[in-house]
Amino acid sequence: MLFDIGPKVYFAGMWISHRPFSMRPCHLWLCVSIIALAPGFADESPAQTALPSPAGKHVAETPGIFDDIYRDMQVFTEDGIAFFLAPGDFTKREWLYAGGIAGGTLGMLLLDESIQEIPRRNQDEDMYSTAMTVTLGGDLLGAEVASGVIYLAGLLSRSDDIRETGLMLGQSLFLGGSMAIVLRVLAGRRWPAADKGAYAFNFWEFDDKYQAFPSGHTVVAFSVATVLAHRFDHWAVSALLYGAATAVGVSRIYVDHHWTSDVFLGAVLGYAAGRFIGVRARERKEGGTGKEGGTGSGAWSLIPSPGGMTFTINF
């Protein structure tokens, strides 16, 4: 199916099946990777660096694959450090946003049991099967495979645009997932299906039975949706992506795998990770905070050195 948005033509892969569970997570995400490969595949050329020739003339030299991989490893590390250090640079407004998110999560937590009764009263076999299929959109392994496919496609085709999309997807999944894992262990919340109530917490718990808060599937769905919305940069595509991510979160509530507050915080974490990576990518292109070859605020920097990477803190 072809559809045109702006100056570029995009294409989408579709998968139709009569059996709800015949679509495996990796198959689903490989279809998504086909969609994500579309922007810039035909018209994006690799960056070129001018080097002096022996005769004094300048020739254009295209960076090699290993140069791209090394630079992307830098970006991955730098952005990760910046993400986890970001609260130290929060403005007053950003702290107000954080407080609002915390308050909203607490408010939903107080309403979790009441809200959960709605899908429990209205469950039927067909809707349950459909909801279980929709939850595959939040499968972490499938999303990681898709991001890897996109990255390799860009690397081998020498398309900076596609390679960067794969890298951004991998970054957002790693950052959002890391935050989710830490919070899950700290909170130790029981799943709704355990019938222990919404306030069954066993703090600092590594048992998977106590890993409901936040929803990992929702983190994955919103991480991917936010990065792709940034890359496509069109309201219709953004609406479609965020609608699909919301459907994943709602399906997790419907099948009794998560409370509403789990899904809400998962959506916030996924969006935050994807948006942060999108902003960093834009700043690199504009030569701002995230420029290649040495990222950081005035207080710290990370630059390559002959022995690896040098992390510097300025006092």
C-alpha atoms as a PDB file:
ATOM      1  CA  MET A   1       0.000   0.000   0.000  1.00  0.00           C
ATOM      2  CA  LEU A   2       1.439   3.371  -1.005  1.00  0.00           C
ATOM      3  CA  PHE A   3       0.591   6.721   0.492  1.00  0.00           C
ATOM      4  CA  ASP A   4       2.135  10.131  -0.010  1.00  0.00           C
ATOM      5  CA  ILE A   5       2.925  12.622   2.753  1.00  0.00           C
ATOM      6  CA  GLY A   6       4.710  15.800   1.702  1.00  0.00           C
ATOM      7  CA  PRO A   7       7.638  15.446  -0.687  1.00  0.00           C
ATOM      8  CA  LYS A   8       8.366  11.787   0.050  1.00  0.00           C
ATOM      9  CA  VAL A   9       6.497   8.590  -0.755  1.00  0.00           C
ATOM     10  CA  TYR A  10       6.077   6.080   2.075  1.00  0.00           C
ATOM     11  CA  PHE A  11       5.015   2.459   1.940  1.00  0.00           C
ATOM     12  CA  ALA A  12       3.506   0.174   4.529  1.00  0.00           C
ATOM     13  CA  GLY A  13       3.422  -3.588   4.936  1.00  0.00           C
ATOM     14  CA  MET A  14       0.098  -5.158   5.987  1.00  0.00           C
ATOM     15  CA  TRP A  15      -0.499  -8.521   7.650  1.00  0.00           C
ATOM     16  CA  ILE A  16      -3.951 -10.095   7.739  1.00  0.00           C
ATOM     17  CA  SER A  17      -4.608 -13.390   9.504  1.00  0.00           C
ATOM     18  CA  HIS A  18      -7.733 -15.336  10.402  1.00  0.00           C
ATOM     19  CA  ARG A  19      -6.074 -16.741  13.529  1.00  0.00           C
ATOM     20  CA  PRO A  20      -5.510 -14.174  16.303  1.00  0.00           C
ATOM     21  CA  PHE A  21      -2.318 -15.784  17.592  1.00  0.00           C
ATOM     22  CA  SER A  22      -0.742 -16.735  14.252  1.00  0.00           C
ATOM     23  CA  MET A  23       1.176 -13.437  14.117  1.00  0.00           C
ATOM     24  CA  ARG A  24       4.321 -13.801  16.175  1.00  0.00           C
ATOM     25  CA  PRO A  25       5.779 -10.716  17.908  1.00  0.00           C
ATOM     26  CA  CYS A  26       8.872 -10.702  15.716  1.00  0.00           C
ATOM     27  CA  HIS A  27       6.746 -11.023  12.568  1.00  0.00           C
ATOM     28  CA  LEU A  28       4.661  -8.050  13.642  1.00  0.00           C
ATOM     29  CA  TRP A  29       7.697  -5.908  14.354  1.00  0.00           C
ATOM     30  CA  LEU A  30       9.368  -6.891  11.092  1.00  0.00           C
ATOM     31  CA  CYS A  31       6.300  -5.426   9.356  1.00  0.00           C
ATOM     32  CA  VAL A  32       6.779  -2.274  11.409  1.00  0.00           C
ATOM     33  CA  SER A  33      10.440  -2.165  10.408  1.00  0.00           C
ATOM     34  CA  ILE A  34       9.381  -2.128   6.748  1.00  0.00           C
ATOM     35  CA  ILE A  35       7.316   0.983   7.439  1.00  0.00           C
ATOM     36  CA  ALA A  36      10.176   2.661   9.290  1.00  0.00           C
ATOM     37  CA  LEU A  37      12.620   1.999   6.444  1.00  0.00           C
ATOM     38  CA  ALA A  38      10.586   4.197   4.113  1.00  0.00           C
ATOM     39  CA  PRO A  39      11.700   7.762   4.982  1.00  0.00           C
ATOM     40  CA  GLY A  40      14.778   8.825   3.070  1.00  0.00           C
ATOM     41  CA  PHE A  41      15.687   5.378   1.710  1.00  0.00           C
ATOM     42  CA  ALA A  42      15.989   6.538  -1.875  1.00  0.00           C
ATOM     43  CA  ASP A  43      17.223  10.090  -1.473  1.00  0.00           C
ATOM     44  CA  GLU A  44      19.475  10.073   1.579  1.00  0.00           C
ATOM     45  CA  SER A  45      23.195   9.927   0.835  1.00  0.00           C
ATOM     46  CA  PRO A  46      25.952   9.231   3.364  1.00  0.00           C
ATOM     47  CA  ALA A  47      27.796  12.127   4.917  1.00  0.00           C
ATOM     48  CA  GLN A  48      31.029  13.024   3.193  1.00  0.00           C
ATOM     49  CA  THR A  49      34.218  14.428   4.637  1.00  0.00           C
ATOM     50  CA  ALA A  50      36.607  16.528   2.541  1.00  0.00           C
ATOM     51  CA  LEU A  51      40.245  15.437   2.870  1.00  0.00           C
ATOM     52  CA  PRO A  52      43.306  16.976   1.215  1.00  0.00           C
ATOM     53  CA  SER A  53      44.792  14.960  -1.609  1.00  0.00           C
ATOM     54  CA  PRO A  54      48.569  14.620  -2.190  1.00  0.00           C
ATOM     55  CA  ALA A  55      48.296  17.200  -4.987  1.00  0.00           C
ATOM     56  CA  GLY A  56      46.731  19.739  -2.636  1.00  0.00           C
ATOM     57  CA  LYS A  57      43.236  19.206  -3.971  1.00  0.00           C
ATOM     58  CA  HIS A  58      40.304  18.177  -1.781  1.00  0.00           C
ATOM     59  CA  VAL A  59      38.511  14.905  -2.425  1.00  0.00           C
ATOM     60  CA  ALA A  60      35.305  13.674  -0.832  1.00  0.00           C
ATOM     61  CA  GLU A  61      35.703  10.554   1.272  1.00  0.00           C
ATOM     62  CA  THR A  62      32.694   8.610   2.551  1.00  0.00           C
ATOM     63  CA  PRO A  63      33.069   7.295   6.130  1.00  0.00           C
ATOM     64  CA  GLY A  64      33.249   3.512   6.294  1.00  0.00           C
ATOM     65  CA  ILE A  65      30.834   1.176   8.044  1.00  0.00           C
ATOM     66  CA  PHE A  66      33.099   0.810  11.067  1.00  0.00           C
ATOM     67  CA  ASP A  67      33.363   4.587  11.343  1.00  0.00           C
ATOM     68  CA  ASP A  68      29.569   4.767  11.479  1.00  0.00           C
ATOM     69  CA  ILE A  69      29.394   2.030  14.109  1.00  0.00           C
ATOM     70  CA  TYR A  70      32.024   3.741  16.274  1.00  0.00           C
ATOM     71  CA  ARG A  71      30.245   7.091  16.023  1.00  0.00           C
ATOM     72  CA  ASP A  72      26.903   5.470  16.861  1.00  0.00           C
ATOM     73  CA  MET A  73      28.429   3.797  19.929  1.00  0.00           C
ATOM     74  CA  GLN A  74      29.543   7.247  21.046  1.00  0.00           C
ATOM     75  CA  VAL A  75      26.061   8.644  20.531  1.00  0.00           C
ATOM     76  CA  PHE A  76      24.447   5.717  22.375  1.00  0.00           C
ATOM     77  CA  THR A  77      26.746   6.182  25.378  1.00  0.00           C
ATOM     78  CA  GLU A  78      26.553   9.971  25.453  1.00  0.00           C
ATOM     79  CA  ASP A  79      22.777  10.089  25.171  1.00  0.00           C
ATOM     80  CA  GLY A  80      22.399   7.432  27.860  1.00  0.00           C
ATOM     81  CA  ILE A  81      24.540   9.375  30.316  1.00  0.00           C
ATOM     82  CA  ALA A  82      22.704  12.598  29.493  1.00  0.00           C
ATOM     83  CA  PHE A  83      19.328  10.910  30.024  1.00  0.00           C
ATOM     84  CA  PHE A  84      20.124   9.678  33.512  1.00  0.00           C
ATOM     85  CA  LEU A  85      21.808  12.959  34.493  1.00  0.00           C
ATOM     86  CA  ALA A  86      18.960  15.081  33.090  1.00  0.00           C
ATOM     87  CA  PRO A  87      17.096  15.546  36.421  1.00  0.00           C
ATOM     88  CA  GLY A  88      20.109  17.474  37.703  1.00  0.00           C
ATOM     89  CA  ASP A  89      19.425  20.137  35.052  1.00  0.00           C
ATOM     90  CA  PHE A  90      15.631  20.241  35.367  1.00  0.00           C
ATOM     91  CA  THR A  91      14.061  23.674  35.290  1.00  0.00           C
ATOM     92  CA  LYS A  92      11.292  24.673  37.697  1.00  0.00           C
ATOM     93  CA  ARG A  93       8.714  23.938  35.002  1.00  0.00           C
ATOM     94  CA  GLU A  94      10.148  20.472  34.365  1.00  0.00           C
ATOM     95  CA  TRP A  95       9.995  19.655  38.074  1.00  0.00           C
ATOM     96  CA  LEU A  96       6.361  20.776  38.040  1.00  0.00           C
ATOM     97  CA  TYR A  97       5.724  18.397  35.159  1.00  0.00           C
ATOM     98  CA  ALA A  98       7.400  15.578  37.093  1.00  0.00           C
ATOM     99  CA  GLY A  99       5.285  16.381  40.131  1.00  0.00           C
ATOM    100  CA  GLY A 100       2.139  16.369  37.995  1.00  0.00           C
ATOM    101  CA  ILE A 101       3.035  12.944  36.587  1.00  0.00           C
ATOM    102  CA  ALA A 102       3.648  11.588  40.085  1.00  0.00           C
ATOM    103  CA  GLY A 103       0.354  13.048  41.295  1.00  0.00           C
ATOM    104  CA  GLY A 104      -1.512  11.664  38.278  1.00  0.00           C
ATOM    105  CA  THR A 105      -0.039   8.206  38.853  1.00  0.00           C
ATOM    106  CA  LEU A 106      -1.048   8.308  42.523  1.00  0.00           C
ATOM    107  CA  GLY A 107      -4.566   9.444  41.615  1.00  0.00           C
ATOM    108  CA  MET A 108      -4.974   6.571  39.164  1.00  0.00           C
ATOM    109  CA  LEU A 109      -3.581   4.141  41.719  1.00  0.00           C
ATOM    110  CA  LEU A 110      -6.388   5.125  44.095  1.00  0.00           C
ATOM    111  CA  LEU A 111      -8.926   4.423  41.314  1.00  0.00           C
ATOM    112  CA  ASP A 112      -7.279   1.262  39.953  1.00  0.00           C
ATOM    113  CA  GLU A 113      -9.663  -1.250  41.498  1.00  0.00           C
ATOM    114  CA  SER A 114     -12.763   0.665  40.397  1.00  0.00           C
ATOM    115  CA  ILE A 115     -11.473   1.047  36.838  1.00  0.00           C
ATOM    116  CA  GLN A 116     -10.408  -2.609  36.625  1.00  0.00           C
ATOM    117  CA  GLU A 117     -13.944  -3.764  37.311  1.00  0.00           C
ATOM    118  CA  ILE A 118     -15.107  -2.302  33.967  1.00  0.00           C
ATOM    119  CA  PRO A 119     -13.136  -4.646  31.645  1.00  0.00           C
ATOM    120  CA  ARG A 120     -13.702  -7.565  34.002  1.00  0.00           C
ATOM    121  CA  ARG A 121     -17.479  -7.167  33.681  1.00  0.00           C
ATOM    122  CA  ASN A 122     -17.306  -6.829  29.891  1.00  0.00           C
ATOM    123  CA  GLN A 123     -14.859  -9.522  28.852  1.00  0.00           C
ATOM    124  CA  ASP A 124     -15.754 -12.032  26.138  1.00  0.00           C
ATOM    125  CA  GLU A 125     -13.695 -14.652  24.338  1.00  0.00           C
ATOM    126  CA  ASP A 126     -13.382 -12.874  20.977  1.00  0.00           C
ATOM    127  CA  MET A 127     -12.447  -9.516  22.477  1.00  0.00           C
ATOM    128  CA  TYR A 128      -9.971 -11.194  24.805  1.00  0.00           C
ATOM    129  CA  SER A 129      -8.261 -12.925  21.869  1.00  0.00           C
ATOM    130  CA  THR A 130      -8.126  -9.651  19.934  1.00  0.00           C
ATOM    131  CA  ALA A 131      -6.689  -7.806  22.949  1.00  0.00           C
ATOM    132  CA  MET A 132      -4.017 -10.477  23.402  1.00  0.00           C
ATOM    133  CA  THR A 133      -3.033 -10.002  19.748  1.00  0.00           C
ATOM    134  CA  VAL A 134      -2.839  -6.221  20.183  1.00  0.00           C
ATOM    135  CA  THR A 135      -0.501  -6.651  23.162  1.00  0.00           C
ATOM    136  CA  LEU A 136       2.089  -8.120  20.771  1.00  0.00           C
ATOM    137  CA  GLY A 137       2.710  -4.532  19.685  1.00  0.00           C
ATOM    138  CA  GLY A 138       4.491  -4.049  23.003  1.00  0.00           C
ATOM    139  CA  ASP A 139       6.730  -7.106  22.764  1.00  0.00           C
ATOM    140  CA  LEU A 140      10.261  -6.035  23.709  1.00  0.00           C
ATOM    141  CA  LEU A 141      12.153  -8.733  21.814  1.00  0.00           C
ATOM    142  CA  GLY A 142      10.217  -8.051  18.623  1.00  0.00           C
ATOM    143  CA  ALA A 143      10.837  -4.302  18.911  1.00  0.00           C
ATOM    144  CA  GLU A 144      14.558  -4.884  19.487  1.00  0.00           C
ATOM    145  CA  VAL A 145      14.749  -7.153  16.430  1.00  0.00           C
ATOM    146  CA  ALA A 146      12.973  -4.523  14.330  1.00  0.00           C
ATOM    147  CA  SER A 147      15.312  -1.746  15.488  1.00  0.00           C
ATOM    148  CA  GLY A 148      18.285  -3.966  14.657  1.00  0.00           C
ATOM    149  CA  VAL A 149      16.912  -4.729  11.178  1.00  0.00           C
ATOM    150  CA  ILE A 150      16.388  -1.025  10.500  1.00  0.00           C
ATOM    151  CA  TYR A 151      19.865  -0.141  11.761  1.00  0.00           C
ATOM    152  CA  LEU A 152      21.567  -2.826   9.660  1.00  0.00           C
ATOM    153  CA  ALA A 153      19.552  -1.842   6.588  1.00  0.00           C
ATOM    154  CA  GLY A 154      20.739   1.746   6.957  1.00  0.00           C
ATOM    155  CA  LEU A 155      24.299   0.669   7.665  1.00  0.00           C
ATOM    156  CA  LEU A 156      24.548  -1.621   4.648  1.00  0.00           C
ATOM    157  CA  SER A 157      22.652   0.681   2.270  1.00  0.00           C
ATOM    158  CA  ARG A 158      24.788   3.643   3.485  1.00  0.00           C
ATOM    159  CA  SER A 159      21.646   5.609   4.385  1.00  0.00           C
ATOM    160  CA  ASP A 160      22.288   7.872   7.377  1.00  0.00           C
ATOM    161  CA  ASP A 161      18.568   8.540   7.766  1.00  0.00           C
ATOM    162  CA  ILE A 162      17.578   4.879   8.093  1.00  0.00           C
ATOM    163  CA  ARG A 163      20.580   3.989  10.264  1.00  0.00           C
ATOM    164  CA  GLU A 164      19.798   6.844  12.635  1.00  0.00           C
ATOM    165  CA  THR A 165      16.167   5.703  12.902  1.00  0.00           C
ATOM    166  CA  GLY A 166      17.278   2.207  13.943  1.00  0.00           C
ATOM    167  CA  LEU A 167      19.749   3.670  16.431  1.00  0.00           C
ATOM    168  CA  MET A 168      17.109   5.975  17.946  1.00  0.00           C
ATOM    169  CA  LEU A 169      14.670   3.098  18.342  1.00  0.00           C
ATOM    170  CA  GLY A 170      17.299   1.008  20.115  1.00  0.00           C
ATOM    171  CA  GLN A 171      18.233   3.915  22.373  1.00  0.00           C
ATOM    172  CA  SER A 172      14.667   4.692  23.410  1.00  0.00           C
ATOM    173  CA  LEU A 173      13.914   1.020  24.104  1.00  0.00           C
ATOM    174  CA  PHE A 174      17.044   0.721  26.236  1.00  0.00           C
ATOM    175  CA  LEU A 175      16.436   3.905  28.239  1.00  0.00           C
ATOM    176  CA  GLY A 176      12.701   3.403  28.745  1.00  0.00           C
ATOM    177  CA  GLY A 177      13.186  -0.277  29.530  1.00  0.00           C
ATOM    178  CA  SER A 178      15.953   0.433  32.043  1.00  0.00           C
ATOM    179  CA  MET A 179      13.765   2.872  33.947  1.00  0.00           C
ATOM    180  CA  ALA A 180      10.871   0.394  33.901  1.00  0.00           C
ATOM    181  CA  ILE A 181      13.006  -2.447  35.281  1.00  0.00           C
ATOM    182  CA  VAL A 182      14.328  -0.316  38.151  1.00  0.00           C
ATOM    183  CA  LEU A 183      10.827   0.853  39.099  1.00  0.00           C
ATOM    184  CA  ARG A 184       9.431  -2.680  38.873  1.00  0.00           C
ATOM    185  CA  VAL A 185      12.006  -4.003  41.305  1.00  0.00           C
ATOM    186  CA  LEU A 186      11.589  -1.051  43.681  1.00  0.00           C
ATOM    187  CA  ALA A 187       7.775  -1.172  43.686  1.00  0.00           C
ATOM    188  CA  GLY A 188       7.251  -4.954  43.671  1.00  0.00           C
ATOM    189  CA  ARG A 189       3.585  -4.679  42.693  1.00  0.00           C
ATOM    190  CA  ARG A 190       1.379  -7.730  42.129  1.00  0.00           C
ATOM    191  CA  TRP A 191      -0.460  -8.250  38.859  1.00  0.00           C
ATOM    192  CA  PRO A 192      -4.244  -7.657  38.843  1.00  0.00           C
ATOM    193  CA  ALA A 193      -4.900 -11.306  37.930  1.00  0.00           C
ATOM    194  CA  ALA A 194      -3.371 -12.355  41.278  1.00  0.00           C
ATOM    195  CA  ASP A 195      -6.522 -11.006  43.023  1.00  0.00           C
ATOM    196  CA  LYS A 196      -4.474  -9.455  45.818  1.00  0.00           C
ATOM    197  CA  GLY A 197      -5.862  -5.960  45.250  1.00  0.00           C
ATOM    198  CA  ALA A 198      -4.330  -2.787  43.824  1.00  0.00           C
ATOM    199  CA  TYR A 199      -2.238  -2.083  46.906  1.00  0.00           C
ATOM    200  CA  ALA A 200      -0.283  -5.344  47.073  1.00  0.00           C
ATOM    201  CA  PHE A 201       3.305  -4.051  47.027  1.00  0.00           C
ATOM    202  CA  ASN A 202       6.374  -5.991  48.135  1.00  0.00           C
ATOM    203  CA  PHE A 203       9.146  -3.417  47.786  1.00  0.00           C
ATOM    204  CA  TRP A 204      12.555  -4.423  46.410  1.00  0.00           C
ATOM    205  CA  GLU A 205      11.290  -7.633  44.833  1.00  0.00           C
ATOM    206  CA  PHE A 206      12.969  -9.507  41.962  1.00  0.00           C
ATOM    207  CA  ASP A 207      10.242 -12.168  41.581  1.00  0.00           C
ATOM    208  CA  ASP A 208       8.325 -11.745  38.313  1.00  0.00           C
ATOM    209  CA  LYS A 209       5.067 -12.135  40.239  1.00  0.00           C
ATOM    210  CA  TYR A 210       5.762  -8.667  41.660  1.00  0.00           C
ATOM    211  CA  GLN A 211       6.667  -6.843  38.455  1.00  0.00           C
ATOM    212  CA  ALA A 212       3.465  -5.059  37.393  1.00  0.00           C
ATOM    213  CA  PHE A 213       4.448  -1.415  37.907  1.00  0.00           C
ATOM    214  CA  PRO A 214       4.930   0.050  35.304  1.00  0.00           C
ATOM    215  CA  SER A 215       3.684  -1.761  32.186  1.00  0.00           C
ATOM    216  CA  GLY A 216       6.668  -2.836  30.093  1.00  0.00           C
ATOM    217  CA  HIS A 217       4.560  -3.426  26.969  1.00  0.00           C
ATOM    218  CA  THR A 218       3.297   0.153  27.173  1.00  0.00           C
ATOM    219  CA  VAL A 219       6.839   1.488  27.610  1.00  0.00           C
ATOM    220  CA  VAL A 220       7.889  -0.328  24.430  1.00  0.00           C
ATOM    221  CA  ALA A 221       4.849   0.818  22.443  1.00  0.00           C
ATOM    222  CA  PHE A 222       5.221   4.489  23.351  1.00  0.00           C
ATOM    223  CA  SER A 223       9.016   4.469  22.938  1.00  0.00           C
ATOM    224  CA  VAL A 224       8.647   3.225  19.372  1.00  0.00           C
ATOM    225  CA  ALA A 225       5.677   5.470  18.588  1.00  0.00           C
ATOM    226  CA  THR A 226       7.466   8.601  19.813  1.00  0.00           C
ATOM    227  CA  VAL A 227      10.649   7.943  17.836  1.00  0.00           C
ATOM    228  CA  LEU A 228       8.775   7.138  14.620  1.00  0.00           C
ATOM    229  CA  ALA A 229       6.496  10.151  15.086  1.00  0.00           C
ATOM    230  CA  HIS A 230       9.626  12.303  15.363  1.00  0.00           C
ATOM    231  CA  ARG A 231      11.112  10.764  12.211  1.00  0.00           C
ATOM    232  CA  PHE A 232       7.983  10.960  10.035  1.00  0.00           C
ATOM    233  CA  ASP A 233       7.013  14.375  11.440  1.00  0.00           C
ATOM    234  CA  HIS A 234       3.410  14.401  10.190  1.00  0.00           C
ATOM    235  CA  TRP A 235       0.295  14.776  12.322  1.00  0.00           C
ATOM    236  CA  ALA A 236      -1.593  11.929  10.610  1.00  0.00           C
ATOM    237  CA  VAL A 237       1.252   9.451  11.135  1.00  0.00           C
ATOM    238  CA  SER A 238       1.689  10.640  14.725  1.00  0.00           C
ATOM    239  CA  ALA A 239      -2.025  10.137  15.427  1.00  0.00           C
ATOM    240  CA  LEU A 240      -1.846   6.614  13.984  1.00  0.00           C
ATOM    241  CA  LEU A 241       1.280   5.717  15.976  1.00  0.00           C
ATOM    242  CA  TYR A 242       0.070   7.072  19.303  1.00  0.00           C
ATOM    243  CA  GLY A 243      -3.349   5.521  18.733  1.00  0.00           C
ATOM    244  CA  ALA A 244      -1.705   2.125  18.236  1.00  0.00           C
ATOM    245  CA  ALA A 245       0.457   2.591  21.342  1.00  0.00           C
ATOM    246  CA  THR A 246      -2.615   3.532  23.388  1.00  0.00           C
ATOM    247  CA  ALA A 247      -4.384   0.409  22.118  1.00  0.00           C
ATOM    248  CA  VAL A 248      -1.505  -1.700  23.442  1.00  0.00           C
ATOM    249  CA  GLY A 249      -1.837  -0.107  26.884  1.00  0.00           C
ATOM    250  CA  VAL A 250      -5.621  -0.483  26.994  1.00  0.00           C
ATOM    251  CA  SER A 251      -5.324  -4.126  25.909  1.00  0.00           C
ATOM    252  CA  ARG A 252      -3.025  -4.815  28.870  1.00  0.00           C
ATOM    253  CA  ILE A 253      -5.735  -3.534  31.187  1.00  0.00           C
ATOM    254  CA  TYR A 254      -8.463  -5.478  29.378  1.00  0.00           C
ATOM    255  CA  VAL A 255      -6.684  -8.838  29.672  1.00  0.00           C
ATOM    256  CA  ASP A 256      -6.149  -8.153  33.404  1.00  0.00           C
ATOM    257  CA  HIS A 257      -2.356  -8.026  33.149  1.00  0.00           C
ATOM    258  CA  HIS A 258      -1.926  -4.449  34.391  1.00  0.00           C
ATOM    259  CA  TRP A 259      -3.629  -1.772  36.460  1.00  0.00           C
ATOM    260  CA  THR A 260      -4.447   1.581  34.869  1.00  0.00           C
ATOM    261  CA  SER A 261      -1.692   3.337  36.839  1.00  0.00           C
ATOM    262  CA  ASP A 262       0.834   0.780  35.495  1.00  0.00           C
ATOM    263  CA  VAL A 263      -0.149   1.653  31.936  1.00  0.00           C
ATOM    264  CA  PHE A 264      -0.183   5.411  32.569  1.00  0.00           C
ATOM    265  CA  LEU A 265       3.347   5.474  33.962  1.00  0.00           C
ATOM    266  CA  GLY A 266       4.555   3.099  31.229  1.00  0.00           C
ATOM    267  CA  ALA A 267       3.233   5.499  28.594  1.00  0.00           C
ATOM    268  CA  VAL A 268       4.978   8.439  30.276  1.00  0.00           C
ATOM    269  CA  LEU A 269       8.318   6.597  30.478  1.00  0.00           C
ATOM    270  CA  GLY A 270       8.145   5.451  26.860  1.00  0.00           C
ATOM    271  CA  TYR A 271       7.217   8.918  25.637  1.00  0.00           C
ATOM    272  CA  ALA A 272       9.931  10.566  27.757  1.00  0.00           C
ATOM    273  CA  ALA A 273      12.637   8.232  26.448  1.00  0.00           C
ATOM    274  CA  GLY A 274      11.569   8.612  22.813  1.00  0.00           C
ATOM    275  CA  ARG A 275      11.223  12.394  23.049  1.00  0.00           C
ATOM    276  CA  PHE A 276      14.601  12.776  24.764  1.00  0.00           C
ATOM    277  CA  ILE A 277      16.313  10.787  22.005  1.00  0.00           C
ATOM    278  CA  GLY A 278      14.479  12.803  19.343  1.00  0.00           C
ATOM    279  CA  VAL A 279      15.594  16.110  20.880  1.00  0.00           C
ATOM    280  CA  ARG A 280      19.190  14.898  21.148  1.00  0.00           C
ATOM    281  CA  ALA A 281      19.179  13.833  17.479  1.00  0.00           C
ATOM    282  CA  ARG A 282      17.855  17.230  16.407  1.00  0.00           C
ATOM    283  CA  GLU A 283      20.479  19.036  18.498  1.00  0.00           C
ATOM    284  CA  ARG A 284      23.233  17.001  16.855  1.00  0.00           C
ATOM    285  CA  LYS A 285      22.012  18.046  13.425  1.00  0.00           C
ATOM    286  CA  GLU A 286      21.819  21.679  14.522  1.00  0.00           C
ATOM    287  CA  GLY A 287      25.251  21.577  16.187  1.00  0.00           C
ATOM    288  CA  GLY A 288      23.859  22.072  19.702  1.00  0.00           C
ATOM    289  CA  THR A 289      24.212  20.120  22.921  1.00  0.00           C
ATOM    290  CA  GLY A 290      24.254  16.746  21.272  1.00  0.00           C
ATOM    291  CA  LYS A 291      26.807  17.432  18.558  1.00  0.00           C
ATOM    292  CA  GLU A 292      28.917  14.512  17.444  1.00  0.00           C
ATOM    293  CA  GLY A 293      32.390  14.083  18.874  1.00  0.00           C
ATOM    294  CA  GLY A 294      31.787  15.410  22.366  1.00  0.00           C
ATOM    295  CA  THR A 295      28.423  15.615  24.015  1.00  0.00           C
ATOM    296  CA  GLY A 296      27.523  17.161  27.319  1.00  0.00           C
ATOM    297  CA  SER A 297      26.610  20.252  29.213  1.00  0.00           C
ATOM    298  CA  GLY A 298      29.140  22.691  30.570  1.00  0.00           C
ATOM    299  CA  ALA A 299      29.545  20.448  33.600  1.00  0.00           C
ATOM    300  CA  TRP A 300      30.604  17.245  31.839  1.00  0.00           C
ATOM    301  CA  SER A 301      31.724  15.872  28.496  1.00  0.00           C
ATOM    302  CA  LEU A 302      32.387  12.534  26.823  1.00  0.00           C
ATOM    303  CA  ILE A 303      34.958  12.456  24.032  1.00  0.00           C
ATOM    304  CA  PRO A 304      36.815   9.681  22.187  1.00  0.00           C
ATOM    305  CA  SER A 305      40.443   8.993  23.093  1.00  0.00           C
ATOM    306  CA  PRO A 306      43.086   6.563  21.742  1.00  0.00           C
ATOM    307  CA  GLY A 307      42.351   4.170  24.610  1.00  0.00           C
ATOM    308  CA  GLY A 308      38.575   4.391  24.360  1.00  0.00           C
ATOM    309  CA  MET A 309      36.331   7.081  25.833  1.00  0.00           C
ATOM    310  CA  THR A 310      37.185   9.925  28.231  1.00  0.00           C
ATOM    311  CA  PHE A 311      34.517  11.161  30.655  1.00  0.00           C
ATOM    312  CA  THR A 312      35.323  14.586  32.108  1.00  0.00           C
ATOM    313  CA  ILE A 313      33.539  16.506  34.859  1.00  0.00           C
ATOM    314  CA  ASN A 314      34.268  20.236  35.169  1.00  0.00           C
ATOM    315  CA  PHE A 315      34.075  21.798  38.641  1.00  0.00           C
END
